[in-house]
Amino acid sequence: MSTQHHNHGRRRAETTPRKESRRRMPRTGGPARRMAIVAVAGVLLAGGGLGQAAGSSGPGGLPSDLFAAGAGSTTAAVSAPSDAPIDFARVLVSSSTELRSNVPDVAAAADSVTPVGAAGGPVNDPAGAQKYAATQLAAHGWGQDQMSCLVQLWNRESDWTTTAENPSSLAYGIAQSLPASKMDSVAGDWRTNYQTQIKWGLTYIADRYGSPCAVWDHEVSIGWY
């Protein structure tokens, strides 16, 4: 082998590794940078904001919106376009007028209630009240002869009407109790139950005057009892 040929072989041997070494060195920012740009573009396309992001650019040619979070931030800020449709959940709210229209009229309902008297019968029942009073005389030691005086007494006072009320004194009921709340000592239904009123009235007569005929005499001479 000649010296010239030998040197030529050395040059080939020396130059070949250098070419292969240059091919194996990765290009800085090559495929990695392209992959990052593709990923960012995909995010912008999904959010519908690619057109807005293209108007300004940041470092490396990327949209500046991606760097809105601040320098050194690892979170990319993606903004939706201003005309993007937003769908809110629908909540049905009734107006105050509709709510008021659904409120029952309590006052009207109360007016339509008919009060009941003794044993569920009518409140004002003069005949029934007199029959009941006749059955209560013996409980006070009186005979039926006292009934005529009692009828005259309470005819003058109330006509045996359960809801009779004196407009000036506010005396109330068949026996014209004053105040009316005195009859609550017998039962709480004294406003509508003639039996409660009669029980209270007969007890009052017995304690104050002794008998219906005695109180009738007082009524005739004085005008009240």
Protein backbone atom coordinates (compact mmCIF):
# COMPACT_ATOMS: atom_id res chain seq x y z
CA MET A 1 0.00 0.00 0.00
CA SER A 2 1.35 3.41 -0.95
CA THR A 3 1.62 6.34 1.35
CA GLN A 4 -0.85 8.39 -0.70
CA HIS A 5 -3.45 5.66 -0.69
CA HIS A 6 -2.96 5.13 3.00
CA ASN A 7 -3.50 8.81 3.77
CA HIS A 8 -6.61 8.88 1.63
CA GLY A 9 -8.07 6.05 3.67
CA ARG A 10 -7.36 7.91 6.85
CA ARG A 11 -9.16 10.98 5.63
CA ARG A 12 -12.23 8.92 4.82
CA ALA A 13 -12.08 7.22 8.19
CA GLU A 14 -11.75 10.54 9.97
CA THR A 15 -14.45 12.35 8.04
CA THR A 16 -17.12 9.64 8.12
CA PRO A 17 -17.76 9.60 11.92
CA ARG A 18 -18.08 13.39 11.96
CA LYS A 19 -20.89 13.28 9.34
CA GLU A 20 -22.75 10.53 11.24
CA SER A 21 -22.38 12.43 14.48
CA ARG A 22 -23.99 15.52 12.98
CA ARG A 23 -26.98 13.50 11.71
CA ARG A 24 -27.67 12.00 15.17
CA MET A 25 -27.71 15.33 17.03
CA PRO A 26 -31.33 16.40 17.64
CA ARG A 27 -32.37 19.76 16.31
CA THR A 28 -33.08 22.14 19.14
CA GLY A 29 -36.80 22.98 19.31
CA GLY A 30 -37.66 20.89 16.26
CA PRO A 31 -40.38 18.22 16.66
CA ALA A 32 -41.00 19.17 20.32
CA ARG A 33 -41.79 22.73 19.38
CA ARG A 34 -44.04 21.67 16.52
CA MET A 35 -45.95 19.30 18.82
CA ALA A 36 -46.47 22.10 21.36
CA ILE A 37 -47.82 24.42 18.66
CA VAL A 38 -50.20 21.71 17.40
CA ALA A 39 -51.47 21.10 20.95
CA VAL A 40 -52.09 24.81 21.52
CA ALA A 41 -53.88 25.10 18.20
CA GLY A 42 -56.14 22.21 19.16
CA VAL A 43 -57.07 23.91 22.43
CA LEU A 44 -57.90 27.15 20.62
CA LEU A 45 -59.99 25.36 18.01
CA ALA A 46 -61.96 23.56 20.72
CA GLY A 47 -62.73 26.85 22.46
CA GLY A 48 -63.66 28.67 19.27
CA GLY A 49 -61.06 31.37 19.89
CA LEU A 50 -58.45 30.71 17.22
CA GLY A 51 -59.44 33.80 15.27
CA GLN A 52 -59.02 36.09 18.27
CA ALA A 53 -55.74 34.52 19.37
CA ALA A 54 -54.19 35.03 15.91
CA GLY A 55 -54.35 38.84 16.28
CA SER A 56 -51.43 39.04 18.71
CA SER A 57 -48.47 36.83 19.36
CA GLY A 58 -46.27 36.13 22.33
CA PRO A 59 -42.90 34.51 22.78
CA GLY A 60 -41.98 32.03 20.10
CA GLY A 61 -44.84 33.14 17.85
CA LEU A 62 -47.51 31.69 20.18
CA PRO A 63 -50.74 33.68 20.85
CA SER A 64 -50.26 36.18 23.65
CA ASP A 65 -53.52 35.02 25.36
CA LEU A 66 -51.66 31.89 26.40
CA PHE A 67 -49.36 34.01 28.58
CA ALA A 68 -52.15 36.01 30.29
CA ALA A 69 -51.58 34.16 33.55
CA GLY A 70 -48.26 36.01 34.03
CA ALA A 71 -44.58 35.38 33.53
CA GLY A 72 -43.40 32.02 34.74
CA SER A 73 -46.97 30.68 35.08
CA THR A 74 -47.51 27.11 33.99
CA THR A 75 -51.26 27.59 33.45
CA ALA A 76 -52.37 28.70 30.00
CA ALA A 77 -55.32 31.12 29.93
CA VAL A 78 -57.82 30.29 27.20
CA SER A 79 -60.60 32.84 26.69
CA ALA A 80 -63.89 32.19 24.92
CA PRO A 81 -65.03 34.60 22.17
CA SER A 82 -67.36 37.41 23.22
CA ASP A 83 -70.18 36.14 20.99
CA ALA A 84 -70.04 32.56 22.28
CA PRO A 85 -73.56 31.36 23.20
CA ILE A 86 -74.12 30.73 26.93
CA ASP A 87 -77.00 28.54 28.03
CA PHE A 88 -78.24 29.01 31.60
CA ALA A 89 -80.56 26.58 33.37
CA ARG A 90 -84.14 27.80 33.32
CA VAL A 91 -85.73 28.44 36.72
CA LEU A 92 -89.47 29.01 36.82
CA VAL A 93 -90.35 31.85 39.21
CA SER A 94 -93.94 32.79 39.90
CA SER A 95 -94.80 36.46 40.12
CA SER A 96 -96.13 38.00 43.31
CA THR A 97 -99.51 38.40 41.61
CA GLU A 98 -99.68 34.68 40.84
CA LEU A 99 -98.67 33.81 44.39
CA ARG A 100 -101.36 36.07 45.85
CA SER A 101 -103.96 34.52 43.57
CA ASN A 102 -103.18 31.08 45.04
CA VAL A 103 -103.68 32.19 48.65
CA PRO A 104 -107.05 31.02 49.98
CA ASP A 105 -109.48 33.71 51.13
CA VAL A 106 -109.59 32.87 54.82
CA ALA A 107 -112.02 35.67 55.67
CA ALA A 108 -114.52 34.52 53.05
CA ALA A 109 -114.19 30.94 54.25
CA ALA A 110 -114.87 32.01 57.84
CA ASP A 111 -117.96 33.97 56.79
CA SER A 112 -119.35 30.90 55.06
CA VAL A 113 -119.16 28.81 58.25
CA THR A 114 -122.52 28.49 59.96
CA PRO A 115 -122.21 28.28 63.77
CA VAL A 116 -124.13 25.47 65.41
CA GLY A 117 -126.04 25.66 68.64
CA ALA A 118 -126.75 23.06 71.27
CA ALA A 119 -126.31 19.47 70.06
CA GLY A 120 -125.39 20.74 66.59
CA GLY A 121 -128.74 22.47 66.09
CA PRO A 122 -129.41 26.09 65.14
CA VAL A 123 -127.83 28.79 67.29
CA ASN A 124 -131.02 30.82 67.69
CA ASP A 125 -133.82 28.45 68.70
CA PRO A 126 -136.19 30.16 71.20
CA ALA A 127 -138.60 27.20 71.39
CA GLY A 128 -135.79 24.74 71.97
CA ALA A 129 -134.23 27.02 74.56
CA GLN A 130 -137.46 27.26 76.55
CA LYS A 131 -137.92 23.50 76.52
CA TYR A 132 -134.40 23.04 77.82
CA ALA A 133 -134.90 25.65 80.57
CA ALA A 134 -138.01 23.83 81.77
CA THR A 135 -135.91 20.70 82.36
CA GLN A 136 -133.43 22.64 84.54
CA LEU A 137 -135.85 24.09 87.11
CA ALA A 138 -135.87 21.05 89.35
CA ALA A 139 -132.05 21.18 89.66
CA HIS A 140 -132.54 24.43 91.60
CA GLY A 141 -135.47 23.19 93.65
CA TRP A 142 -138.17 25.07 91.67
CA GLY A 143 -141.47 23.77 90.37
CA GLN A 144 -142.89 24.27 86.88
CA ASP A 145 -144.89 27.25 88.17
CA GLN A 146 -141.66 29.25 87.96
CA MET A 147 -141.46 28.67 84.23
CA SER A 148 -144.04 31.32 83.31
CA CYS A 149 -142.06 33.99 85.19
CA LEU A 150 -138.87 32.88 83.49
CA VAL A 151 -140.44 33.04 80.03
CA GLN A 152 -141.67 36.61 80.63
CA LEU A 153 -138.30 37.68 82.06
CA TRP A 154 -136.21 36.47 79.17
CA ASN A 155 -138.79 37.48 76.56
CA ARG A 156 -138.21 41.05 77.68
CA GLU A 157 -134.44 40.71 77.92
CA SER A 158 -133.62 38.82 74.72
CA ASP A 159 -136.65 37.09 73.18
CA TRP A 160 -134.76 33.90 74.06
CA THR A 161 -132.29 34.67 71.25
CA THR A 162 -128.84 33.19 71.79
CA THR A 163 -126.96 35.94 69.93
CA ALA A 164 -128.95 38.88 71.39
CA GLU A 165 -126.64 41.76 72.33
CA ASN A 166 -127.42 45.12 73.93
CA PRO A 167 -125.72 47.73 71.70
CA SER A 168 -125.11 50.14 74.60
CA SER A 169 -124.13 47.89 77.51
CA LEU A 170 -122.89 44.92 75.40
CA ALA A 171 -124.86 42.53 77.60
CA TYR A 172 -125.09 39.24 75.67
CA GLY A 173 -127.19 36.15 75.29
CA ILE A 174 -130.60 34.91 76.48
CA ALA A 175 -129.89 35.93 80.09
CA GLN A 176 -128.11 39.16 78.98
CA SER A 177 -124.92 38.49 80.90
CA LEU A 178 -122.83 41.59 81.61
CA PRO A 179 -120.05 41.21 80.82
CA ALA A 180 -120.72 38.36 78.45
CA SER A 181 -117.49 36.58 79.44
CA LYS A 182 -119.04 35.65 82.82
CA MET A 183 -120.73 32.73 81.04
CA ASP A 184 -117.30 31.26 80.33
CA SER A 185 -117.46 29.86 83.87
CA VAL A 186 -119.95 27.29 82.54
CA ALA A 187 -118.42 26.54 79.13
CA GLY A 188 -116.43 28.19 76.38
CA ASP A 189 -119.22 27.88 73.80
CA TRP A 190 -121.43 30.52 75.46
CA ARG A 191 -121.57 32.62 72.28
CA THR A 192 -123.56 30.00 70.36
CA ASN A 193 -124.91 27.43 72.83
CA TYR A 194 -128.19 28.39 74.52
CA GLN A 195 -127.80 25.54 77.01
CA THR A 196 -124.61 27.11 78.36
CA GLN A 197 -126.34 30.49 78.62
CA ILE A 198 -129.41 29.07 80.39
CA LYS A 199 -127.30 27.16 82.92
CA TRP A 200 -125.44 30.34 83.77
CA GLY A 201 -128.64 32.45 83.88
CA LEU A 202 -130.52 30.12 86.21
CA THR A 203 -127.54 29.92 88.59
CA TYR A 204 -127.31 33.72 88.63
CA ILE A 205 -131.07 34.03 89.42
CA ALA A 206 -130.85 31.44 92.21
CA ASP A 207 -127.82 33.08 93.85
CA ARG A 208 -129.04 36.71 93.60
CA TYR A 209 -132.85 36.58 93.74
CA GLY A 210 -133.83 33.07 94.84
CA SER A 211 -136.29 32.21 92.05
CA PRO A 212 -137.48 33.25 88.56
CA CYS A 213 -140.70 34.80 89.92
CA ALA A 214 -138.73 36.87 92.47
CA VAL A 215 -136.48 38.23 89.76
CA TRP A 216 -139.49 38.93 87.54
CA ASP A 217 -140.98 41.13 90.23
CA HIS A 218 -137.71 43.05 90.40
CA GLU A 219 -137.67 43.42 86.61
CA VAL A 220 -141.19 44.82 86.54
CA SER A 221 -140.52 47.35 89.32
CA ILE A 222 -136.97 48.42 88.38
CA GLY A 223 -136.70 47.56 84.69
CA TRP A 224 -133.64 45.40 84.95
CA TYR A 225 -132.26 42.54 87.00
